[in-house]
Amino acid sequence: MAGLHGPDPGVDRHARSDIGLCATPLSWDEVQAIVADGSLTSMRVLGRSRGMLQSYLEFKSRIDRLYVSMVDRIMIEVFKCEWKVNEDQKVEHVPRPLGSTSNSGPFFMQNDFPYHLQPGIEHYLLWSDRIMLDEEVEEYLRSDPVARQSSSWLAFVNPTELQSIPEIHHVHVLLKVV
């Protein structure tokens, strides 16, 4: 992939380890090429900085202690579902009645633990309780005041193997803000 190699052409300077680390910040051209390629190998390059990864792992540890799962945390904090404390003294969401449309999204918010990106690129998530078609994502971003202020955006869903929360549909949105 053009532009992803360091001094040794055989070594990818952004190589992501199995734990999701990206050694150097990715440029807009690099993330465009990664998303356009879309292969699992290419998408694995999208990772966090060492500090952001450490913060994420600490956060995930706190979530594991307090909530039944990360899904419960997202359903409560993002989708505003009711919650209860279970017999293990962990917080879990109360599923909405079938057919309920209240608080179903989509919800557009900045990623608390973004990929390692160069300044001028912001990482957002678009959460939905159902799979959104590409056209729906585009329509949403064209109407969102934050996305409209960017000069360009990339929207993608990670391959299943790379999804940290596959149970809840979410689209990664990278905004070019320079």
C-alpha atoms as a PDB file:
ATOM      1  CA  MET A   1       0.000   0.000   0.000  1.00  0.00           C
ATOM      2  CA  ALA A   2       1.532   3.302  -1.051  1.00  0.00           C
ATOM      3  CA  GLY A   3       2.800   5.536   1.719  1.00  0.00           C
ATOM      4  CA  LEU A   4       2.724   2.969   4.500  1.00  0.00           C
ATOM      5  CA  HIS A   5       6.355   1.893   4.460  1.00  0.00           C
ATOM      6  CA  GLY A   6       9.170   3.191   6.619  1.00  0.00           C
ATOM      7  CA  PRO A   7      12.878   3.165   5.839  1.00  0.00           C
ATOM      8  CA  ASP A   8      12.883  -0.626   5.366  1.00  0.00           C
ATOM      9  CA  PRO A   9      10.444  -1.257   2.500  1.00  0.00           C
ATOM     10  CA  GLY A  10       9.747  -4.726   3.870  1.00  0.00           C
ATOM     11  CA  VAL A  11       8.509  -3.422   7.232  1.00  0.00           C
ATOM     12  CA  ASP A  12       5.195  -1.611   7.613  1.00  0.00           C
ATOM     13  CA  ARG A  13       5.901   1.362   9.908  1.00  0.00           C
ATOM     14  CA  HIS A  14       2.285   1.329  11.093  1.00  0.00           C
ATOM     15  CA  ALA A  15       2.087  -2.396  11.730  1.00  0.00           C
ATOM     16  CA  ARG A  16      -0.596  -3.153  14.258  1.00  0.00           C
ATOM     17  CA  SER A  17       0.134  -5.837  16.779  1.00  0.00           C
ATOM     18  CA  ASP A  18      -2.477  -8.343  17.853  1.00  0.00           C
ATOM     19  CA  ILE A  19      -3.387  -6.008  20.718  1.00  0.00           C
ATOM     20  CA  GLY A  20      -4.326  -3.055  18.483  1.00  0.00           C
ATOM     21  CA  LEU A  21      -1.248  -0.846  18.675  1.00  0.00           C
ATOM     22  CA  CYS A  22      -0.353   1.539  15.840  1.00  0.00           C
ATOM     23  CA  ALA A  23       3.200   2.853  16.248  1.00  0.00           C
ATOM     24  CA  THR A  24       2.902   6.156  14.364  1.00  0.00           C
ATOM     25  CA  PRO A  25      -0.071   8.409  13.557  1.00  0.00           C
ATOM     26  CA  LEU A  26      -1.789   7.743  10.251  1.00  0.00           C
ATOM     27  CA  SER A  27      -2.265  10.520   7.685  1.00  0.00           C
ATOM     28  CA  TRP A  28      -5.501  11.216   5.822  1.00  0.00           C
ATOM     29  CA  ASP A  29      -4.071   9.691   2.625  1.00  0.00           C
ATOM     30  CA  GLU A  30      -3.058   6.569   4.533  1.00  0.00           C
ATOM     31  CA  VAL A  31      -6.461   6.039   6.155  1.00  0.00           C
ATOM     32  CA  GLN A  32      -8.165   6.623   2.784  1.00  0.00           C
ATOM     33  CA  ALA A  33      -5.998   3.895   1.235  1.00  0.00           C
ATOM     34  CA  ILE A  34      -6.618   1.521   4.163  1.00  0.00           C
ATOM     35  CA  VAL A  35     -10.397   1.960   4.039  1.00  0.00           C
ATOM     36  CA  ALA A  36     -10.458   1.742   0.220  1.00  0.00           C
ATOM     37  CA  ASP A  37      -8.520  -1.536   0.383  1.00  0.00           C
ATOM     38  CA  GLY A  38     -10.818  -2.858   3.122  1.00  0.00           C
ATOM     39  CA  SER A  39      -8.985  -6.160   3.513  1.00  0.00           C
ATOM     40  CA  LEU A  40      -8.491  -7.630   6.963  1.00  0.00           C
ATOM     41  CA  THR A  41      -4.731  -7.208   6.594  1.00  0.00           C
ATOM     42  CA  SER A  42      -5.106  -3.558   5.670  1.00  0.00           C
ATOM     43  CA  MET A  43      -7.726  -2.774   8.321  1.00  0.00           C
ATOM     44  CA  ARG A  44      -5.494  -4.270  11.030  1.00  0.00           C
ATOM     45  CA  VAL A  45      -3.239  -1.229  10.553  1.00  0.00           C
ATOM     46  CA  LEU A  46      -5.905   0.924  12.252  1.00  0.00           C
ATOM     47  CA  GLY A  47      -4.849   0.863  15.884  1.00  0.00           C
ATOM     48  CA  ARG A  48      -4.364   3.127  18.873  1.00  0.00           C
ATOM     49  CA  SER A  49      -1.270   4.876  20.157  1.00  0.00           C
ATOM     50  CA  ARG A  50       0.467   3.186  23.079  1.00  0.00           C
ATOM     51  CA  GLY A  51      -1.008   5.691  25.576  1.00  0.00           C
ATOM     52  CA  MET A  52      -4.520   5.486  24.119  1.00  0.00           C
ATOM     53  CA  LEU A  53      -4.360   1.698  24.088  1.00  0.00           C
ATOM     54  CA  GLN A  54      -3.317   1.691  27.747  1.00  0.00           C
ATOM     55  CA  SER A  55      -6.204   4.033  28.602  1.00  0.00           C
ATOM     56  CA  TYR A  56      -8.619   1.805  26.677  1.00  0.00           C
ATOM     57  CA  LEU A  57      -7.439  -1.353  28.451  1.00  0.00           C
ATOM     58  CA  GLU A  58      -7.807   0.349  31.861  1.00  0.00           C
ATOM     59  CA  PHE A  59     -11.294   1.554  30.901  1.00  0.00           C
ATOM     60  CA  LYS A  60     -12.252  -1.921  29.688  1.00  0.00           C
ATOM     61  CA  SER A  61     -11.057  -3.382  32.996  1.00  0.00           C
ATOM     62  CA  ARG A  62     -13.303  -0.937  34.922  1.00  0.00           C
ATOM     63  CA  ILE A  63     -16.236  -1.816  32.673  1.00  0.00           C
ATOM     64  CA  ASP A  64     -15.628  -5.535  33.286  1.00  0.00           C
ATOM     65  CA  ARG A  65     -15.791  -4.913  37.042  1.00  0.00           C
ATOM     66  CA  LEU A  66     -18.961  -2.776  36.959  1.00  0.00           C
ATOM     67  CA  TYR A  67     -21.054  -4.018  34.032  1.00  0.00           C
ATOM     68  CA  VAL A  68     -22.092  -7.447  32.823  1.00  0.00           C
ATOM     69  CA  SER A  69     -20.512  -6.543  29.462  1.00  0.00           C
ATOM     70  CA  MET A  70     -19.438  -3.662  27.250  1.00  0.00           C
ATOM     71  CA  VAL A  71     -22.753  -4.123  25.430  1.00  0.00           C
ATOM     72  CA  ASP A  72     -24.595  -3.276  28.654  1.00  0.00           C
ATOM     73  CA  ARG A  73     -22.500  -0.143  29.105  1.00  0.00           C
ATOM     74  CA  ILE A  74     -23.232   1.027  25.539  1.00  0.00           C
ATOM     75  CA  MET A  75     -26.945   0.234  25.785  1.00  0.00           C
ATOM     76  CA  ILE A  76     -27.194   2.224  29.033  1.00  0.00           C
ATOM     77  CA  GLU A  77     -24.857   5.136  28.293  1.00  0.00           C
ATOM     78  CA  VAL A  78     -25.488   5.617  24.564  1.00  0.00           C
ATOM     79  CA  PHE A  79     -28.978   4.198  23.942  1.00  0.00           C
ATOM     80  CA  LYS A  80     -30.271   5.293  27.386  1.00  0.00           C
ATOM     81  CA  CYS A  81     -31.830   1.922  28.200  1.00  0.00           C
ATOM     82  CA  GLU A  82     -33.150   1.202  31.653  1.00  0.00           C
ATOM     83  CA  TRP A  83     -30.780  -0.766  33.856  1.00  0.00           C
ATOM     84  CA  LYS A  84     -30.674  -2.988  36.914  1.00  0.00           C
ATOM     85  CA  VAL A  85     -28.081  -4.575  39.180  1.00  0.00           C
ATOM     86  CA  ASN A  86     -27.975  -8.345  38.807  1.00  0.00           C
ATOM     87  CA  GLU A  87     -27.250 -11.062  41.393  1.00  0.00           C
ATOM     88  CA  ASP A  88     -23.491 -10.660  40.758  1.00  0.00           C
ATOM     89  CA  GLN A  89     -23.783  -6.955  41.659  1.00  0.00           C
ATOM     90  CA  LYS A  90     -23.050  -5.925  38.083  1.00  0.00           C
ATOM     91  CA  VAL A  91     -25.035  -3.431  36.040  1.00  0.00           C
ATOM     92  CA  GLU A  92     -26.971  -4.728  33.051  1.00  0.00           C
ATOM     93  CA  HIS A  93     -29.360  -3.076  30.642  1.00  0.00           C
ATOM     94  CA  VAL A  94     -33.032  -3.916  30.546  1.00  0.00           C
ATOM     95  CA  PRO A  95     -33.907  -4.782  26.945  1.00  0.00           C
ATOM     96  CA  ARG A  96     -36.489  -2.516  25.353  1.00  0.00           C
ATOM     97  CA  PRO A  97     -39.807  -4.066  24.409  1.00  0.00           C
ATOM     98  CA  LEU A  98     -39.834  -5.568  20.921  1.00  0.00           C
ATOM     99  CA  GLY A  99     -40.733  -2.922  18.367  1.00  0.00           C
ATOM    100  CA  SER A 100     -39.808  -0.011  20.633  1.00  0.00           C
ATOM    101  CA  THR A 101     -38.233   2.867  18.728  1.00  0.00           C
ATOM    102  CA  SER A 102     -37.383   5.131  21.633  1.00  0.00           C
ATOM    103  CA  ASN A 103     -33.669   5.842  21.891  1.00  0.00           C
ATOM    104  CA  SER A 104     -32.886   3.617  18.924  1.00  0.00           C
ATOM    105  CA  GLY A 105     -30.389   5.979  17.335  1.00  0.00           C
ATOM    106  CA  PRO A 106     -28.467   6.645  15.368  1.00  0.00           C
ATOM    107  CA  PHE A 107     -26.164   8.358  17.835  1.00  0.00           C
ATOM    108  CA  PHE A 108     -23.093  10.208  16.558  1.00  0.00           C
ATOM    109  CA  MET A 109     -20.326  10.785  19.084  1.00  0.00           C
ATOM    110  CA  GLN A 110     -16.611  11.244  19.287  1.00  0.00           C
ATOM    111  CA  ASN A 111     -14.722   8.020  19.935  1.00  0.00           C
ATOM    112  CA  ASP A 112     -13.323   8.083  23.488  1.00  0.00           C
ATOM    113  CA  PHE A 113     -10.420   5.883  22.372  1.00  0.00           C
ATOM    114  CA  PRO A 114      -9.624   6.925  18.798  1.00  0.00           C
ATOM    115  CA  TYR A 115      -7.207   5.385  16.355  1.00  0.00           C
ATOM    116  CA  HIS A 116      -3.715   6.866  16.182  1.00  0.00           C
ATOM    117  CA  LEU A 117      -4.315   9.614  13.626  1.00  0.00           C
ATOM    118  CA  GLN A 118      -2.429  12.738  12.637  1.00  0.00           C
ATOM    119  CA  PRO A 119      -3.729  16.089  13.902  1.00  0.00           C
ATOM    120  CA  GLY A 120      -6.670  17.304  11.831  1.00  0.00           C
ATOM    121  CA  ILE A 121      -8.379  13.896  11.735  1.00  0.00           C
ATOM    122  CA  GLU A 122     -11.103  13.169  14.283  1.00  0.00           C
ATOM    123  CA  HIS A 123     -12.559   9.735  15.021  1.00  0.00           C
ATOM    124  CA  TYR A 124     -16.309   9.404  15.643  1.00  0.00           C
ATOM    125  CA  LEU A 125     -18.728   6.512  15.997  1.00  0.00           C
ATOM    126  CA  LEU A 126     -22.246   6.289  14.609  1.00  0.00           C
ATOM    127  CA  TRP A 127     -24.199   3.845  16.807  1.00  0.00           C
ATOM    128  CA  SER A 128     -27.451   2.278  15.658  1.00  0.00           C
ATOM    129  CA  ASP A 129     -29.702  -0.496  16.925  1.00  0.00           C
ATOM    130  CA  ARG A 130     -29.875  -1.834  13.362  1.00  0.00           C
ATOM    131  CA  ILE A 131     -27.531  -2.154  10.398  1.00  0.00           C
ATOM    132  CA  MET A 132     -27.391   1.107   8.482  1.00  0.00           C
ATOM    133  CA  LEU A 133     -27.014   1.026   4.708  1.00  0.00           C
ATOM    134  CA  ASP A 134     -24.225   3.126   3.167  1.00  0.00           C
ATOM    135  CA  GLU A 135     -26.835   5.533   1.790  1.00  0.00           C
ATOM    136  CA  GLU A 136     -28.324   6.014   5.275  1.00  0.00           C
ATOM    137  CA  VAL A 137     -24.901   6.734   6.750  1.00  0.00           C
ATOM    138  CA  GLU A 138     -24.174   9.259   3.986  1.00  0.00           C
ATOM    139  CA  GLU A 139     -27.553  10.942   4.492  1.00  0.00           C
ATOM    140  CA  TYR A 140     -26.988  11.131   8.240  1.00  0.00           C
ATOM    141  CA  LEU A 141     -23.503  12.631   7.855  1.00  0.00           C
ATOM    142  CA  ARG A 142     -24.730  15.192   5.309  1.00  0.00           C
ATOM    143  CA  SER A 143     -27.281  16.373   7.880  1.00  0.00           C
ATOM    144  CA  ASP A 144     -25.075  16.296  10.985  1.00  0.00           C
ATOM    145  CA  PRO A 145     -23.661  19.738  11.927  1.00  0.00           C
ATOM    146  CA  VAL A 146     -20.318  18.339  13.120  1.00  0.00           C
ATOM    147  CA  ALA A 147     -19.753  16.173  10.041  1.00  0.00           C
ATOM    148  CA  ARG A 148     -20.826  19.004   7.726  1.00  0.00           C
ATOM    149  CA  GLN A 149     -18.062  21.225   9.111  1.00  0.00           C
ATOM    150  CA  SER A 150     -15.387  18.751   8.032  1.00  0.00           C
ATOM    151  CA  SER A 151     -13.799  19.006   4.610  1.00  0.00           C
ATOM    152  CA  SER A 152     -14.152  15.266   4.049  1.00  0.00           C
ATOM    153  CA  TRP A 153     -15.110  12.053   5.815  1.00  0.00           C
ATOM    154  CA  LEU A 154     -14.558   8.320   5.664  1.00  0.00           C
ATOM    155  CA  ALA A 155     -17.193   5.962   7.018  1.00  0.00           C
ATOM    156  CA  PHE A 156     -16.679   2.218   7.445  1.00  0.00           C
ATOM    157  CA  VAL A 157     -17.599  -0.807   9.514  1.00  0.00           C
ATOM    158  CA  ASN A 158     -14.671  -2.877  10.711  1.00  0.00           C
ATOM    159  CA  PRO A 159     -14.442  -6.502   9.587  1.00  0.00           C
ATOM    160  CA  THR A 160     -16.114  -8.801  12.112  1.00  0.00           C
ATOM    161  CA  GLU A 161     -12.730 -10.091  13.311  1.00  0.00           C
ATOM    162  CA  LEU A 162     -11.723  -6.566  14.370  1.00  0.00           C
ATOM    163  CA  GLN A 163     -14.965  -5.445  16.001  1.00  0.00           C
ATOM    164  CA  SER A 164     -14.639  -4.908  19.739  1.00  0.00           C
ATOM    165  CA  ILE A 165     -18.447  -4.749  20.148  1.00  0.00           C
ATOM    166  CA  PRO A 166     -19.944  -6.812  17.301  1.00  0.00           C
ATOM    167  CA  GLU A 167     -23.322  -7.091  19.035  1.00  0.00           C
ATOM    168  CA  ILE A 168     -24.158  -3.421  18.383  1.00  0.00           C
ATOM    169  CA  HIS A 169     -23.944  -1.936  14.901  1.00  0.00           C
ATOM    170  CA  HIS A 170     -21.539   0.967  14.748  1.00  0.00           C
ATOM    171  CA  VAL A 171     -19.873   2.816  11.916  1.00  0.00           C
ATOM    172  CA  HIS A 172     -16.450   4.392  12.322  1.00  0.00           C
ATOM    173  CA  VAL A 173     -16.379   7.910  10.897  1.00  0.00           C
ATOM    174  CA  LEU A 174     -13.131   9.759  10.356  1.00  0.00           C
ATOM    175  CA  LEU A 175     -13.509  13.500   9.780  1.00  0.00           C
ATOM    176  CA  LYS A 176     -10.869  15.613   8.090  1.00  0.00           C
ATOM    177  CA  VAL A 177     -11.104  18.898   9.960  1.00  0.00           C
ATOM    178  CA  VAL A 178      -8.136  20.876   8.594  1.00  0.00           C
END
